[in-house]
Amino acid sequence: MATPSGPPGEPRRIAWLYLLPAFLVYAAFLLYPLGRAVQISFYDWNGNTLATWAGLSNYAAVVTDPALRASFGHALVLMLFYAVLPTVIGLGLAAILNRAKVRGLAFFRTVVFLPQVVAMVVIAVAWRRMYAPDGTVNDLLGAIGLDSLTRGWLGDYTAALPAVGFIGTWFEIGLVTVLLLAGMGRIPGELYEAARLDGAGPFREFFAVTLPSVRGEISVALTLTVIAALRTFDLVYVTTRGGPGTSTSVPSFEVYNRAFQQGRVGSAAAIAVVLTLIIFAISFGITRIAERDDR
């Protein structure tokens, strides 16, 4: 019996046959719906009657419509709360816990990661009650003598978006901390010993050893949290429904609102396509920067 002389998977068409089932599932549940969304975005359609050709007008509205521009601006603000703040806070927490060698670290990881396993709808309902005029947040402010700061947080035009963003910060800190703790746990102890022999203190040790060693984990954390910020829908829907006015409206909520409330499916599809491209571009940029730094 002759033995194959080439490497496994030769000829190449055999390898493609192995990949075909997974690709068919991927195409059916992702590529085809995405293609249909792109097609629909070029039409004016209410979801029931015949569609009419709209060309690029739905995409032009994303740039010219003040409400849509504002929703994308709100998403950028949420990126600060969902991605930047959790990464900074999680980096500090992970560094302290890793250096201190806290007992019960596994239990702590479970506790801080717990919000990730709770449905966002449940979290949104709980925080909505806490932000109420007679809720926990105002009670705590009153207890420490800051009555002047109390308000109906989710009904205030200025405070509503930061209040929603703070929920995202609280939600994402655990994920970022656990990711960075895992990365720091793989750093060889010899690197820290060498830094201490050179006279490095805790801060210099952090910037010279810890931070460069967890660039990959930081890249993953930023990618996941940025995507979460841009895709936010359920949190906004349950807490504010885009209000007061449109002060907390975000692109994902606009997609829902236009498609199912206003019957403007073509416009909703255009927003979804633009949002998808923005998410892809930002994720690709973060990955490329991380790869370049690793070289």
Protein backbone atom coordinates (compact mmCIF):
# COMPACT_ATOMS: atom_id res chain seq x y z
CA MET A 1 0.00 0.00 0.00
CA ALA A 2 1.51 3.30 -1.05
CA THR A 3 1.98 5.96 1.57
CA PRO A 4 1.21 9.60 0.71
CA SER A 5 4.36 11.57 -0.01
CA GLY A 6 3.01 15.11 0.45
CA PRO A 7 2.13 16.97 3.64
CA PRO A 8 -1.29 16.46 5.30
CA GLY A 9 -4.06 18.18 3.38
CA GLU A 10 -2.52 17.64 -0.05
CA PRO A 11 -3.92 18.15 -2.60
CA ARG A 12 -5.24 21.52 -1.48
CA ARG A 13 -8.79 20.79 -2.64
CA ILE A 14 -9.01 18.21 0.17
CA ALA A 15 -8.32 20.96 2.73
CA TRP A 16 -11.05 23.12 1.20
CA LEU A 17 -13.49 20.22 1.53
CA TYR A 18 -12.76 20.06 5.26
CA LEU A 19 -13.47 23.79 5.56
CA LEU A 20 -16.60 23.73 3.41
CA PRO A 21 -19.20 22.77 6.10
CA ALA A 22 -18.04 25.54 8.46
CA PHE A 23 -17.91 28.05 5.61
CA LEU A 24 -21.46 27.16 4.52
CA VAL A 25 -22.77 27.79 8.05
CA TYR A 26 -20.79 31.06 8.21
CA ALA A 27 -22.11 32.16 4.83
CA ALA A 28 -25.72 31.25 5.62
CA PHE A 29 -25.90 32.99 8.99
CA LEU A 30 -23.52 35.92 8.50
CA LEU A 31 -22.49 36.68 4.93
CA TYR A 32 -25.94 36.28 3.38
CA PRO A 33 -27.77 38.46 5.97
CA LEU A 34 -25.01 41.05 5.66
CA GLY A 35 -25.35 41.03 1.88
CA ARG A 36 -29.13 41.43 2.16
CA ALA A 37 -28.69 44.35 4.55
CA VAL A 38 -26.41 46.04 2.04
CA GLN A 39 -28.97 45.45 -0.72
CA ILE A 40 -31.87 46.80 1.36
CA SER A 41 -29.86 49.88 2.32
CA PHE A 42 -30.15 51.16 -1.26
CA TYR A 43 -33.97 51.20 -1.12
CA ASP A 44 -36.77 53.07 0.61
CA TRP A 45 -38.84 50.27 2.15
CA ASN A 46 -41.24 50.02 5.07
CA GLY A 47 -40.98 46.24 5.36
CA ASN A 48 -44.37 45.51 3.80
CA THR A 49 -44.98 47.26 0.49
CA LEU A 50 -42.81 47.31 -2.62
CA ALA A 51 -39.45 49.00 -2.18
CA THR A 52 -38.33 51.96 -4.27
CA TRP A 53 -34.75 52.64 -5.34
CA ALA A 54 -33.08 55.27 -3.15
CA GLY A 55 -29.47 55.02 -4.28
CA LEU A 56 -27.03 56.48 -1.77
CA SER A 57 -29.58 58.74 -0.09
CA ASN A 58 -29.82 56.50 2.99
CA TYR A 59 -26.06 56.67 3.41
CA ALA A 60 -26.03 60.41 2.81
CA ALA A 61 -28.56 60.77 5.63
CA VAL A 62 -26.11 59.16 8.05
CA VAL A 63 -23.84 62.18 7.49
CA THR A 64 -26.44 64.93 7.01
CA ASP A 65 -29.11 63.93 9.55
CA PRO A 66 -28.28 65.68 12.88
CA ALA A 67 -30.00 62.96 14.91
CA LEU A 68 -27.93 60.23 13.28
CA ARG A 69 -24.71 62.18 13.64
CA ALA A 70 -25.52 62.70 17.30
CA SER A 71 -26.15 58.97 17.81
CA PHE A 72 -22.70 58.12 16.46
CA GLY A 73 -21.24 60.82 18.70
CA HIS A 74 -22.96 59.23 21.70
CA ALA A 75 -21.43 55.89 20.72
CA LEU A 76 -17.97 57.49 20.78
CA VAL A 77 -18.68 58.82 24.28
CA LEU A 78 -19.72 55.33 25.37
CA MET A 79 -16.41 54.01 24.01
CA LEU A 80 -14.70 56.11 26.69
CA PHE A 81 -16.83 54.49 29.40
CA TYR A 82 -16.89 50.97 27.95
CA ALA A 83 -13.29 50.68 26.74
CA VAL A 84 -10.88 53.35 27.97
CA LEU A 85 -11.93 53.59 31.63
CA PRO A 86 -12.30 49.81 32.19
CA THR A 87 -8.90 49.22 30.57
CA VAL A 88 -7.16 51.82 32.73
CA ILE A 89 -8.91 50.73 35.94
CA GLY A 90 -8.56 47.03 35.14
CA LEU A 91 -4.86 47.48 34.40
CA GLY A 92 -4.31 49.11 37.78
CA LEU A 93 -6.38 46.50 39.63
CA ALA A 94 -4.66 43.60 37.90
CA ALA A 95 -1.19 45.04 38.58
CA ILE A 96 -1.95 45.54 42.28
CA LEU A 97 -3.46 42.07 42.69
CA ASN A 98 -0.66 40.41 40.74
CA ARG A 99 2.05 42.17 42.75
CA ALA A 100 0.40 41.70 46.13
CA LYS A 101 -0.29 37.98 45.56
CA VAL A 102 -3.66 38.30 47.27
CA ARG A 103 -5.09 35.19 48.88
CA GLY A 104 -8.26 33.89 47.35
CA LEU A 105 -7.39 35.38 43.97
CA ALA A 106 -9.48 32.75 42.17
CA PHE A 107 -12.53 33.78 44.20
CA PHE A 108 -11.88 37.45 43.45
CA ARG A 109 -11.66 36.70 39.73
CA THR A 110 -15.02 34.96 39.90
CA VAL A 111 -16.63 37.89 41.74
CA VAL A 112 -15.35 40.61 39.39
CA PHE A 113 -16.27 38.52 36.35
CA LEU A 114 -19.79 37.86 37.65
CA PRO A 115 -21.49 40.75 35.77
CA GLN A 116 -20.46 39.10 32.49
CA VAL A 117 -22.67 36.08 33.20
CA VAL A 118 -25.75 38.15 34.10
CA ALA A 119 -28.06 39.19 31.27
CA MET A 120 -27.64 42.86 30.37
CA VAL A 121 -31.41 43.33 30.59
CA VAL A 122 -31.31 42.29 34.26
CA ILE A 123 -28.42 44.65 34.92
CA ALA A 124 -30.21 47.49 33.14
CA VAL A 125 -33.38 47.00 35.20
CA ALA A 126 -31.38 46.98 38.45
CA TRP A 127 -29.43 50.12 37.58
CA ARG A 128 -32.56 51.91 36.37
CA ARG A 129 -34.00 51.43 39.85
CA MET A 130 -30.75 52.60 41.45
CA TYR A 131 -30.75 55.76 39.30
CA ALA A 132 -34.37 56.61 40.14
CA PRO A 133 -35.04 59.87 42.07
CA ASP A 134 -35.68 57.77 45.18
CA GLY A 135 -33.05 55.17 44.27
CA THR A 136 -29.82 54.00 45.87
CA VAL A 137 -27.53 56.48 44.10
CA ASN A 138 -29.39 59.53 45.43
CA ASP A 139 -29.71 57.93 48.87
CA LEU A 140 -25.93 57.46 49.04
CA LEU A 141 -25.28 61.04 47.90
CA GLY A 142 -27.69 62.33 50.51
CA ALA A 143 -26.07 60.20 53.22
CA ILE A 144 -22.65 61.81 52.63
CA GLY A 145 -24.02 65.35 52.44
CA LEU A 146 -24.06 65.77 48.65
CA ASP A 147 -27.79 66.44 48.32
CA SER A 148 -27.09 69.13 45.71
CA LEU A 149 -25.91 66.41 43.30
CA THR A 150 -29.05 64.28 43.54
CA ARG A 151 -31.28 64.17 40.47
CA GLY A 152 -33.29 61.87 38.25
CA TRP A 153 -30.17 60.61 36.54
CA LEU A 154 -31.74 58.93 33.54
CA GLY A 155 -34.14 61.82 32.97
CA ASP A 156 -31.49 64.53 33.00
CA TYR A 157 -30.30 65.70 29.56
CA THR A 158 -26.75 66.23 30.78
CA ALA A 159 -26.33 63.28 33.13
CA ALA A 160 -28.22 60.54 31.26
CA LEU A 161 -25.47 59.52 28.83
CA PRO A 162 -22.66 59.45 31.45
CA ALA A 163 -25.00 57.52 33.76
CA VAL A 164 -25.58 54.88 31.08
CA GLY A 165 -21.86 54.86 30.32
CA PHE A 166 -20.99 54.27 33.98
CA ILE A 167 -23.04 51.07 33.89
CA GLY A 168 -20.87 49.95 30.97
CA THR A 169 -17.72 50.79 32.95
CA TRP A 170 -18.92 48.72 35.90
CA PHE A 171 -19.90 45.88 33.58
CA GLU A 172 -16.61 45.70 31.64
CA ILE A 173 -14.07 46.19 34.48
CA GLY A 174 -14.32 42.54 35.54
CA LEU A 175 -13.69 41.19 32.04
CA VAL A 176 -10.68 43.46 31.50
CA THR A 177 -9.22 42.69 34.94
CA VAL A 178 -9.46 38.93 34.46
CA LEU A 179 -7.90 39.13 30.99
CA LEU A 180 -4.99 41.23 32.25
CA LEU A 181 -4.48 39.09 35.35
CA ALA A 182 -4.16 36.05 33.09
CA GLY A 183 -1.57 37.88 31.00
CA MET A 184 0.40 39.06 34.02
CA GLY A 185 0.42 35.55 35.44
CA ARG A 186 2.47 34.42 32.43
CA ILE A 187 5.25 37.00 32.90
CA PRO A 188 8.46 35.25 34.02
CA GLY A 189 9.48 36.18 37.56
CA GLU A 190 13.07 36.63 36.39
CA LEU A 191 12.08 39.83 34.59
CA TYR A 192 10.84 41.38 37.83
CA GLU A 193 13.93 40.20 39.71
CA ALA A 194 16.19 41.76 37.08
CA ALA A 195 14.27 45.04 37.28
CA ARG A 196 14.59 45.12 41.07
CA LEU A 197 18.33 44.44 40.86
CA ASP A 198 18.53 47.51 38.61
CA GLY A 199 16.84 49.53 41.34
CA ALA A 200 13.38 49.73 39.76
CA GLY A 201 10.53 50.68 42.06
CA PRO A 202 6.91 49.54 41.69
CA PHE A 203 6.01 52.19 39.10
CA ARG A 204 9.10 51.74 36.96
CA GLU A 205 8.66 47.98 37.23
CA PHE A 206 5.10 48.33 36.00
CA PHE A 207 6.01 50.47 32.96
CA ALA A 208 9.21 48.57 32.10
CA VAL A 209 8.07 44.98 32.61
CA THR A 210 4.34 44.55 33.20
CA LEU A 211 2.87 46.93 30.61
CA PRO A 212 4.98 45.78 27.62
CA SER A 213 4.28 42.14 28.50
CA VAL A 214 0.49 42.44 28.38
CA ARG A 215 0.13 44.41 25.13
CA GLY A 216 -1.62 41.45 23.54
CA GLU A 217 -4.15 41.20 26.36
CA ILE A 218 -4.74 44.95 26.26
CA SER A 219 -5.41 44.69 22.53
CA VAL A 220 -7.96 41.91 23.10
CA ALA A 221 -9.61 43.84 25.93
CA LEU A 222 -9.87 47.03 23.87
CA THR A 223 -11.27 45.15 20.87
CA LEU A 224 -13.97 43.42 22.92
CA THR A 225 -14.97 46.53 24.86
CA VAL A 226 -14.99 48.85 21.83
CA ILE A 227 -17.26 46.42 19.98
CA ALA A 228 -19.52 46.23 23.07
CA ALA A 229 -19.72 50.04 23.19
CA LEU A 230 -20.62 50.42 19.53
CA ARG A 231 -23.16 47.58 19.59
CA THR A 232 -24.93 48.75 22.76
CA PHE A 233 -28.68 48.38 22.41
CA ASP A 234 -30.31 46.48 25.25
CA LEU A 235 -28.83 48.74 27.96
CA VAL A 236 -30.07 51.91 26.24
CA TYR A 237 -33.44 50.37 25.36
CA VAL A 238 -34.22 49.27 28.91
CA THR A 239 -32.84 52.30 30.78
CA THR A 240 -33.70 55.34 28.63
CA ARG A 241 -35.09 54.28 25.23
CA GLY A 242 -32.79 56.88 23.72
CA GLY A 243 -34.10 59.68 25.94
CA PRO A 244 -34.55 62.15 27.34
CA GLY A 245 -35.17 63.44 23.83
CA THR A 246 -32.39 61.80 21.84
CA SER A 247 -29.61 62.46 24.36
CA THR A 248 -28.75 58.75 24.77
CA SER A 249 -29.66 57.45 21.33
CA VAL A 250 -26.95 55.27 19.76
CA PRO A 251 -26.68 53.71 16.27
CA SER A 252 -27.97 50.29 17.35
CA PHE A 253 -31.02 51.88 18.93
CA GLU A 254 -31.57 53.98 15.79
CA VAL A 255 -31.54 50.78 13.71
CA TYR A 256 -34.29 49.32 15.88
CA ASN A 257 -36.26 52.56 16.06
CA ARG A 258 -36.24 53.20 12.32
CA ALA A 259 -36.87 49.61 11.26
CA PHE A 260 -39.59 48.62 13.73
CA GLN A 261 -41.07 51.90 14.97
CA GLN A 262 -40.86 54.22 11.95
CA GLY A 263 -41.01 51.68 9.12
CA ARG A 264 -37.82 52.98 7.49
CA VAL A 265 -36.08 49.69 6.90
CA GLY A 266 -33.74 50.99 4.19
CA SER A 267 -32.44 53.75 6.45
CA ALA A 268 -32.01 51.28 9.31
CA ALA A 269 -30.04 48.92 7.05
CA ALA A 270 -27.75 51.77 5.95
CA ILE A 271 -27.03 52.68 9.59
CA ALA A 272 -26.30 49.03 10.37
CA VAL A 273 -23.89 48.72 7.43
CA VAL A 274 -22.04 51.92 8.40
CA LEU A 275 -21.85 50.73 12.01
CA THR A 276 -20.47 47.36 10.88
CA LEU A 277 -17.78 49.09 8.81
CA ILE A 278 -16.81 51.33 11.73
CA ILE A 279 -16.56 48.36 14.09
CA PHE A 280 -14.44 46.47 11.56
CA ALA A 281 -12.15 49.47 10.96
CA ILE A 282 -11.57 50.15 14.66
CA SER A 283 -11.01 46.47 15.48
CA PHE A 284 -8.62 46.11 12.55
CA GLY A 285 -6.74 49.24 13.62
CA ILE A 286 -6.32 48.03 17.22
CA THR A 287 -5.08 44.63 16.00
CA ARG A 288 -2.61 46.19 13.54
CA ILE A 289 -1.19 48.53 16.18
CA ALA A 290 -0.76 45.62 18.60
CA GLU A 291 0.95 43.49 15.94
CA ARG A 292 3.28 46.35 15.02
CA ASP A 293 4.27 46.86 18.67
CA ASP A 294 5.06 43.17 19.05
CA ARG A 295 7.64 43.25 16.28
